């Protein structure tokens, strides 16, 4: 089944959580854990370049441009309308149609707030919170809150023992 058909089926009707997992597994070309969940609609340009861990939740309206590769760690929560963009264009106007893919890596137990955008080549450390509406242009170290446009570290997260 083509990517377009899988996305159309996923987004066009109600599906049980099990059916969503099955459709998402078909989309990315590998099984997802039974703890994976997603609320459609969901959009991607390829699908085959996405890897997700256990206990991952993707909320509705997300758009993953995955040609450069997207890895989502265990326990990640992806908010409404999040964009993960792994492609950039050349800055030189004569080469503007050239694409520069770079992977996005999201660590374990990351929460990405609604309407955030993660740009190509960004790695987000374990335990991070990305504030709603942030545009993440650079790597984010573990256990911090980052937000703004462009995103910057706002504070460290104190881990309770």
C-alpha atoms as a PDB file:
ATOM      1  CA  UNK A   1       0.000   0.000   0.000  1.00  0.00           C
ATOM      2  CA  UNK A   2       1.337   3.468  -0.868  1.00  0.00           C
ATOM      3  CA  UNK A   3       2.172   6.154   1.671  1.00  0.00           C
ATOM      4  CA  UNK A   4      -0.597   8.338   0.283  1.00  0.00           C
ATOM      5  CA  UNK A   5      -3.187   5.575   0.699  1.00  0.00           C
ATOM      6  CA  UNK A   6      -2.072   4.758   4.257  1.00  0.00           C
ATOM      7  CA  UNK A   7      -2.286   8.435   5.245  1.00  0.00           C
ATOM      8  CA  UNK A   8      -5.691   8.814   3.567  1.00  0.00           C
ATOM      9  CA  UNK A   9      -7.044   5.729   5.353  1.00  0.00           C
ATOM     10  CA  UNK A  10      -5.540   6.814   8.703  1.00  0.00           C
ATOM     11  CA  UNK A  11      -6.900  10.344   8.471  1.00  0.00           C
ATOM     12  CA  UNK A  12     -10.230   9.607   6.790  1.00  0.00           C
ATOM     13  CA  UNK A  13     -12.094   7.507   9.345  1.00  0.00           C
ATOM     14  CA  UNK A  14     -12.238   6.482  12.972  1.00  0.00           C
ATOM     15  CA  UNK A  15      -9.765   3.715  13.863  1.00  0.00           C
ATOM     16  CA  UNK A  16      -9.157   1.799  17.053  1.00  0.00           C
ATOM     17  CA  UNK A  17      -5.778   2.297  18.749  1.00  0.00           C
ATOM     18  CA  UNK A  18      -4.737  -1.121  17.420  1.00  0.00           C
ATOM     19  CA  UNK A  19      -5.655  -0.126  13.857  1.00  0.00           C
ATOM     20  CA  UNK A  20      -3.717   3.146  14.210  1.00  0.00           C
ATOM     21  CA  UNK A  21      -0.633   1.200  15.341  1.00  0.00           C
ATOM     22  CA  UNK A  22      -1.012  -1.191  12.403  1.00  0.00           C
ATOM     23  CA  UNK A  23      -1.380   1.644   9.891  1.00  0.00           C
ATOM     24  CA  UNK A  24       1.542   3.596  11.383  1.00  0.00           C
ATOM     25  CA  UNK A  25       3.692   0.452  11.295  1.00  0.00           C
ATOM     26  CA  UNK A  26       2.865   0.034   7.607  1.00  0.00           C
ATOM     27  CA  UNK A  27       3.680   3.701   7.002  1.00  0.00           C
ATOM     28  CA  UNK A  28       7.142   3.541   8.593  1.00  0.00           C
ATOM     29  CA  UNK A  29       7.886   0.009   7.390  1.00  0.00           C
ATOM     30  CA  UNK A  30       8.562  -1.470  10.826  1.00  0.00           C
ATOM     31  CA  UNK A  31       6.480  -2.499  13.815  1.00  0.00           C
ATOM     32  CA  UNK A  32       5.728  -0.024  16.586  1.00  0.00           C
ATOM     33  CA  UNK A  33       5.364  -1.076  20.190  1.00  0.00           C
ATOM     34  CA  UNK A  34       1.886  -1.756  21.577  1.00  0.00           C
ATOM     35  CA  UNK A  35       2.384   1.294  23.836  1.00  0.00           C
ATOM     36  CA  UNK A  36       2.577   3.657  20.825  1.00  0.00           C
ATOM     37  CA  UNK A  37      -0.441   5.891  20.286  1.00  0.00           C
ATOM     38  CA  UNK A  38      -1.414   8.637  17.885  1.00  0.00           C
ATOM     39  CA  UNK A  39      -4.411  10.855  17.223  1.00  0.00           C
ATOM     40  CA  UNK A  40      -4.871  11.534  13.488  1.00  0.00           C
ATOM     41  CA  UNK A  41      -4.662  13.427  11.303  1.00  0.00           C
ATOM     42  CA  UNK A  42      -0.966  12.844  10.692  1.00  0.00           C
ATOM     43  CA  UNK A  43       1.087  13.769   7.623  1.00  0.00           C
ATOM     44  CA  UNK A  44       4.521  12.768   6.366  1.00  0.00           C
ATOM     45  CA  UNK A  45       6.395  12.990   3.077  1.00  0.00           C
ATOM     46  CA  UNK A  46       7.965   9.513   3.237  1.00  0.00           C
ATOM     47  CA  UNK A  47       7.353   7.648   6.477  1.00  0.00           C
ATOM     48  CA  UNK A  48      10.102   5.062   6.024  1.00  0.00           C
ATOM     49  CA  UNK A  49      12.651   7.308   7.744  1.00  0.00           C
ATOM     50  CA  UNK A  50      10.780   7.497  11.076  1.00  0.00           C
ATOM     51  CA  UNK A  51      11.681   5.391  14.136  1.00  0.00           C
ATOM     52  CA  UNK A  52       9.719   5.532  17.383  1.00  0.00           C
ATOM     53  CA  UNK A  53      10.387   4.031  20.800  1.00  0.00           C
ATOM     54  CA  UNK A  54       8.006   2.714  23.432  1.00  0.00           C
ATOM     55  CA  UNK A  55       5.294   4.816  25.109  1.00  0.00           C
ATOM     56  CA  UNK A  56       5.413   7.446  22.363  1.00  0.00           C
ATOM     57  CA  UNK A  57       2.340   9.642  21.837  1.00  0.00           C
ATOM     58  CA  UNK A  58       1.799  11.811  18.742  1.00  0.00           C
ATOM     59  CA  UNK A  59      -1.124  14.232  18.966  1.00  0.00           C
ATOM     60  CA  UNK A  60      -3.289  15.372  16.061  1.00  0.00           C
ATOM     61  CA  UNK A  61      -2.198  17.567  13.178  1.00  0.00           C
ATOM     62  CA  UNK A  62       1.512  16.713  13.236  1.00  0.00           C
ATOM     63  CA  UNK A  63       3.606  16.971  10.074  1.00  0.00           C
ATOM     64  CA  UNK A  64       6.855  15.043   9.798  1.00  0.00           C
ATOM     65  CA  UNK A  65       9.156  15.805   6.871  1.00  0.00           C
ATOM     66  CA  UNK A  66      11.288  12.715   7.395  1.00  0.00           C
ATOM     67  CA  UNK A  67      13.612  12.489   4.383  1.00  0.00           C
ATOM     68  CA  UNK A  68      16.591  13.290   6.623  1.00  0.00           C
ATOM     69  CA  UNK A  69      15.511  10.787   9.299  1.00  0.00           C
ATOM     70  CA  UNK A  70      13.526  11.174  12.517  1.00  0.00           C
ATOM     71  CA  UNK A  71      14.205   9.188  15.692  1.00  0.00           C
ATOM     72  CA  UNK A  72      11.814   9.556  18.635  1.00  0.00           C
ATOM     73  CA  UNK A  73      12.907   8.095  21.983  1.00  0.00           C
ATOM     74  CA  UNK A  74      10.890   6.181  24.559  1.00  0.00           C
ATOM     75  CA  UNK A  75       8.270   8.150  26.464  1.00  0.00           C
ATOM     76  CA  UNK A  76       8.173  11.123  24.083  1.00  0.00           C
ATOM     77  CA  UNK A  77       5.015  13.227  23.886  1.00  0.00           C
ATOM     78  CA  UNK A  78       4.482  15.201  20.680  1.00  0.00           C
ATOM     79  CA  UNK A  79       1.847  17.954  20.950  1.00  0.00           C
ATOM     80  CA  UNK A  80      -0.776  19.155  18.448  1.00  0.00           C
ATOM     81  CA  UNK A  81       0.447  20.506  15.110  1.00  0.00           C
ATOM     82  CA  UNK A  82       4.150  19.887  15.709  1.00  0.00           C
ATOM     83  CA  UNK A  83       6.365  20.099  12.616  1.00  0.00           C
ATOM     84  CA  UNK A  84       9.549  18.033  12.379  1.00  0.00           C
ATOM     85  CA  UNK A  85      11.413  19.295   9.298  1.00  0.00           C
ATOM     86  CA  UNK A  86      14.558  17.421   8.218  1.00  0.00           C
ATOM     87  CA  UNK A  87      15.201  19.218   4.909  1.00  0.00           C
ATOM     88  CA  UNK A  88      16.753  22.571   4.179  1.00  0.00           C
ATOM     89  CA  UNK A  89      17.360  24.377   0.883  1.00  0.00           C
ATOM     90  CA  UNK A  90      20.636  25.899  -0.256  1.00  0.00           C
ATOM     91  CA  UNK A  91      21.076  29.577   0.616  1.00  0.00           C
ATOM     92  CA  UNK A  92      22.729  30.319  -2.732  1.00  0.00           C
ATOM     93  CA  UNK A  93      19.874  31.447  -5.008  1.00  0.00           C
ATOM     94  CA  UNK A  94      21.390  29.631  -8.003  1.00  0.00           C
ATOM     95  CA  UNK A  95      21.321  26.368  -5.987  1.00  0.00           C
ATOM     96  CA  UNK A  96      18.098  27.010  -4.057  1.00  0.00           C
ATOM     97  CA  UNK A  97      16.465  23.803  -5.303  1.00  0.00           C
ATOM     98  CA  UNK A  98      19.284  21.714  -3.776  1.00  0.00           C
ATOM     99  CA  UNK A  99      18.110  19.878  -0.665  1.00  0.00           C
ATOM    100  CA  UNK A 100      20.213  19.352   2.448  1.00  0.00           C
ATOM    101  CA  UNK A 101      18.784  16.581   4.656  1.00  0.00           C
ATOM    102  CA  UNK A 102      19.785  16.321   8.309  1.00  0.00           C
ATOM    103  CA  UNK A 103      18.281  14.021  10.961  1.00  0.00           C
ATOM    104  CA  UNK A 104      16.220  15.010  13.972  1.00  0.00           C
ATOM    105  CA  UNK A 105      16.828  12.979  17.124  1.00  0.00           C
ATOM    106  CA  UNK A 106      14.425  13.310  20.045  1.00  0.00           C
ATOM    107  CA  UNK A 107      15.584  11.789  23.343  1.00  0.00           C
ATOM    108  CA  UNK A 108      13.686   9.831  25.957  1.00  0.00           C
ATOM    109  CA  UNK A 109      10.827  11.384  27.958  1.00  0.00           C
ATOM    110  CA  UNK A 110      10.758  14.554  25.863  1.00  0.00           C
ATOM    111  CA  UNK A 111       7.616  16.676  25.705  1.00  0.00           C
ATOM    112  CA  UNK A 112       7.272  18.850  22.607  1.00  0.00           C
ATOM    113  CA  UNK A 113       4.525  21.446  23.060  1.00  0.00           C
ATOM    114  CA  UNK A 114       1.838  22.272  20.512  1.00  0.00           C
ATOM    115  CA  UNK A 115       2.701  24.210  17.364  1.00  0.00           C
ATOM    116  CA  UNK A 116       6.457  23.791  17.817  1.00  0.00           C
ATOM    117  CA  UNK A 117       8.818  23.368  14.884  1.00  0.00           C
ATOM    118  CA  UNK A 118      12.038  21.356  15.070  1.00  0.00           C
ATOM    119  CA  UNK A 119      14.490  22.129  12.259  1.00  0.00           C
ATOM    120  CA  UNK A 120      16.978  19.864  10.424  1.00  0.00           C
ATOM    121  CA  UNK A 121      19.940  18.435  12.302  1.00  0.00           C
ATOM    122  CA  UNK A 122      18.586  19.130  15.791  1.00  0.00           C
ATOM    123  CA  UNK A 123      19.113  16.698  18.680  1.00  0.00           C
ATOM    124  CA  UNK A 124      16.886  17.109  21.740  1.00  0.00           C
ATOM    125  CA  UNK A 125      18.286  15.622  24.958  1.00  0.00           C
ATOM    126  CA  UNK A 126      16.479  13.293  27.351  1.00  0.00           C
ATOM    127  CA  UNK A 127      13.905  14.829  29.679  1.00  0.00           C
ATOM    128  CA  UNK A 128      13.527  18.080  27.725  1.00  0.00           C
ATOM    129  CA  UNK A 129      10.358  20.173  27.528  1.00  0.00           C
ATOM    130  CA  UNK A 130       9.966  22.251  24.369  1.00  0.00           C
ATOM    131  CA  UNK A 131       7.521  25.093  25.075  1.00  0.00           C
ATOM    132  CA  UNK A 132       4.493  25.484  22.819  1.00  0.00           C
ATOM    133  CA  UNK A 133       5.196  27.489  19.679  1.00  0.00           C
ATOM    134  CA  UNK A 134       8.981  27.183  19.899  1.00  0.00           C
ATOM    135  CA  UNK A 135      11.187  27.032  16.826  1.00  0.00           C
ATOM    136  CA  UNK A 136      14.147  24.803  17.670  1.00  0.00           C
ATOM    137  CA  UNK A 137      17.152  25.607  15.489  1.00  0.00           C
ATOM    138  CA  UNK A 138      19.970  24.129  17.612  1.00  0.00           C
ATOM    139  CA  UNK A 139      20.587  21.105  19.829  1.00  0.00           C
ATOM    140  CA  UNK A 140      18.961  21.179  23.271  1.00  0.00           C
ATOM    141  CA  UNK A 141      20.827  19.660  26.261  1.00  0.00           C
ATOM    142  CA  UNK A 142      19.091  17.147  28.573  1.00  0.00           C
ATOM    143  CA  UNK A 143      16.634  18.099  31.328  1.00  0.00           C
ATOM    144  CA  UNK A 144      15.860  21.692  30.409  1.00  0.00           C
ATOM    145  CA  UNK A 145      12.875  23.723  29.277  1.00  0.00           C
ATOM    146  CA  UNK A 146      13.498  25.462  25.948  1.00  0.00           C
ATOM    147  CA  UNK A 147      11.194  27.926  24.245  1.00  0.00           C
ATOM    148  CA  UNK A 148      10.925  30.963  22.030  1.00  0.00           C
ATOM    149  CA  UNK A 149      11.777  31.860  18.451  1.00  0.00           C
ATOM    150  CA  UNK A 150      14.490  30.819  18.062  1.00  0.00           C
ATOM    151  CA  UNK A 151      14.306  28.494  21.047  1.00  0.00           C
ATOM    152  CA  UNK A 152      16.725  28.962  23.911  1.00  0.00           C
ATOM    153  CA  UNK A 153      17.112  27.276  27.273  1.00  0.00           C
ATOM    154  CA  UNK A 154      14.726  28.906  29.743  1.00  0.00           C
ATOM    155  CA  UNK A 155      15.510  26.843  32.832  1.00  0.00           C
ATOM    156  CA  UNK A 156      16.912  23.575  34.082  1.00  0.00           C
ATOM    157  CA  UNK A 157      14.536  20.848  35.200  1.00  0.00           C
ATOM    158  CA  UNK A 158      15.244  19.682  38.743  1.00  0.00           C
ATOM    159  CA  UNK A 159      14.930  15.900  38.872  1.00  0.00           C
ATOM    160  CA  UNK A 160      13.188  14.549  42.004  1.00  0.00           C
ATOM    161  CA  UNK A 161      14.992  11.562  43.559  1.00  0.00           C
END
